Amino acid sequence: MTSPFEELANLDKLVHEPARLSILTALSACESADFTALRRLTGLSDGNLSVQLSKLEEAGLVGMQKQ
């Protein structure tokens, strides 16, 4: 049996980082969202949201369309 601390150590750091988790949570409630809506929902700055979305896209967890 694993301890709670061992379970925490095994969390996926890519997903469970607070900013990325908030983005994924916001996106789970809808089919798609634009940058402005995600910024408003997550409270992240433009730069931070952009960096976090890029990391999620590199991992194949989100897809982005730039218009």
C-alpha atoms as a PDB file:
ATOM      1  CA  MET A   1       0.000   0.000   0.000  1.00  0.00           C
ATOM      2  CA  THR A   2       1.346   3.419  -0.928  1.00  0.00           C
ATOM      3  CA  SER A   3       1.333   6.405   1.366  1.00  0.00           C
ATOM      4  CA  PRO A   4      -0.406   9.662   0.376  1.00  0.00           C
ATOM      5  CA  PHE A   5       3.014  11.271  -0.123  1.00  0.00           C
ATOM      6  CA  GLU A   6       4.060   8.530  -2.544  1.00  0.00           C
ATOM      7  CA  GLU A   7       0.825   9.018  -4.446  1.00  0.00           C
ATOM      8  CA  LEU A   8       1.461  12.762  -4.678  1.00  0.00           C
ATOM      9  CA  ALA A   9       4.961  12.118  -5.964  1.00  0.00           C
ATOM     10  CA  ASN A  10       3.487  10.031  -8.778  1.00  0.00           C
ATOM     11  CA  LEU A  11       1.160  12.756 -10.080  1.00  0.00           C
ATOM     12  CA  ASP A  12       1.758  13.802 -13.667  1.00  0.00           C
ATOM     13  CA  LYS A  13       3.641  17.081 -13.231  1.00  0.00           C
ATOM     14  CA  LEU A  14       2.645  18.211 -16.724  1.00  0.00           C
ATOM     15  CA  VAL A  15      -1.059  18.039 -15.910  1.00  0.00           C
ATOM     16  CA  HIS A  16      -1.116  18.773 -12.197  1.00  0.00           C
ATOM     17  CA  GLU A  17       0.833  22.046 -12.291  1.00  0.00           C
ATOM     18  CA  PRO A  18      -1.841  24.561 -11.167  1.00  0.00           C
ATOM     19  CA  ALA A  19      -1.896  26.771 -14.273  1.00  0.00           C
ATOM     20  CA  ARG A  20      -2.075  23.826 -16.682  1.00  0.00           C
ATOM     21  CA  LEU A  21      -4.647  22.047 -14.535  1.00  0.00           C
ATOM     22  CA  SER A  22      -6.859  25.149 -14.591  1.00  0.00           C
ATOM     23  CA  ILE A  23      -6.564  25.338 -18.393  1.00  0.00           C
ATOM     24  CA  LEU A  24      -7.469  21.666 -18.813  1.00  0.00           C
ATOM     25  CA  THR A  25     -10.339  22.022 -16.352  1.00  0.00           C
ATOM     26  CA  ALA A  26     -11.719  25.020 -18.255  1.00  0.00           C
ATOM     27  CA  LEU A  27     -11.411  23.182 -21.570  1.00  0.00           C
ATOM     28  CA  SER A  28     -13.074  20.058 -20.206  1.00  0.00           C
ATOM     29  CA  ALA A  29     -16.296  22.046 -19.841  1.00  0.00           C
ATOM     30  CA  CYS A  30     -16.452  23.038 -23.513  1.00  0.00           C
ATOM     31  CA  GLU A  31     -15.503  21.808 -26.954  1.00  0.00           C
ATOM     32  CA  SER A  32     -13.227  24.770 -27.647  1.00  0.00           C
ATOM     33  CA  ALA A  33     -12.359  28.192 -26.242  1.00  0.00           C
ATOM     34  CA  ASP A  34     -10.578  31.242 -27.526  1.00  0.00           C
ATOM     35  CA  PHE A  35      -7.529  32.760 -25.878  1.00  0.00           C
ATOM     36  CA  THR A  36      -9.469  35.619 -24.278  1.00  0.00           C
ATOM     37  CA  ALA A  37     -12.024  33.279 -22.707  1.00  0.00           C
ATOM     38  CA  LEU A  38      -9.277  31.028 -21.331  1.00  0.00           C
ATOM     39  CA  ARG A  39      -7.414  34.036 -19.943  1.00  0.00           C
ATOM     40  CA  ARG A  40     -10.578  35.238 -18.212  1.00  0.00           C
ATOM     41  CA  LEU A  41     -11.457  31.771 -16.848  1.00  0.00           C
ATOM     42  CA  THR A  42      -7.975  30.960 -15.566  1.00  0.00           C
ATOM     43  CA  GLY A  43      -6.846  34.419 -14.432  1.00  0.00           C
ATOM     44  CA  LEU A  44      -3.467  33.884 -16.121  1.00  0.00           C
ATOM     45  CA  SER A  45      -1.509  36.636 -17.866  1.00  0.00           C
ATOM     46  CA  ASP A  46      -1.204  36.543 -21.660  1.00  0.00           C
ATOM     47  CA  GLY A  47       2.407  35.370 -21.506  1.00  0.00           C
ATOM     48  CA  ASN A  48       1.831  32.679 -18.903  1.00  0.00           C
ATOM     49  CA  LEU A  49      -1.261  31.341 -20.674  1.00  0.00           C
ATOM     50  CA  SER A  50       0.633  31.215 -23.962  1.00  0.00           C
ATOM     51  CA  VAL A  51       3.575  29.321 -22.427  1.00  0.00           C
ATOM     52  CA  GLN A  52       1.324  26.850 -20.619  1.00  0.00           C
ATOM     53  CA  LEU A  53      -0.788  26.212 -23.740  1.00  0.00           C
ATOM     54  CA  SER A  54       2.380  25.560 -25.738  1.00  0.00           C
ATOM     55  CA  LYS A  55       3.522  22.962 -23.196  1.00  0.00           C
ATOM     56  CA  LEU A  56       0.123  21.259 -23.305  1.00  0.00           C
ATOM     57  CA  GLU A  57       0.154  21.295 -27.112  1.00  0.00           C
ATOM     58  CA  GLU A  58       3.668  19.781 -27.233  1.00  0.00           C
ATOM     59  CA  ALA A  59       2.397  16.958 -25.010  1.00  0.00           C
ATOM     60  CA  GLY A  60      -0.575  16.392 -27.325  1.00  0.00           C
ATOM     61  CA  LEU A  61      -3.126  17.330 -24.665  1.00  0.00           C
ATOM     62  CA  VAL A  62      -4.601  20.331 -26.526  1.00  0.00           C
ATOM     63  CA  GLY A  63      -4.734  21.517 -30.095  1.00  0.00           C
ATOM     64  CA  MET A  64      -4.470  25.157 -31.093  1.00  0.00           C
ATOM     65  CA  GLN A  65      -5.606  27.086 -34.124  1.00  0.00           C
ATOM     66  CA  LYS A  66      -4.051  30.498 -34.602  1.00  0.00           C
ATOM     67  CA  GLN A  67      -6.161  32.955 -36.574  1.00  0.00           C
END
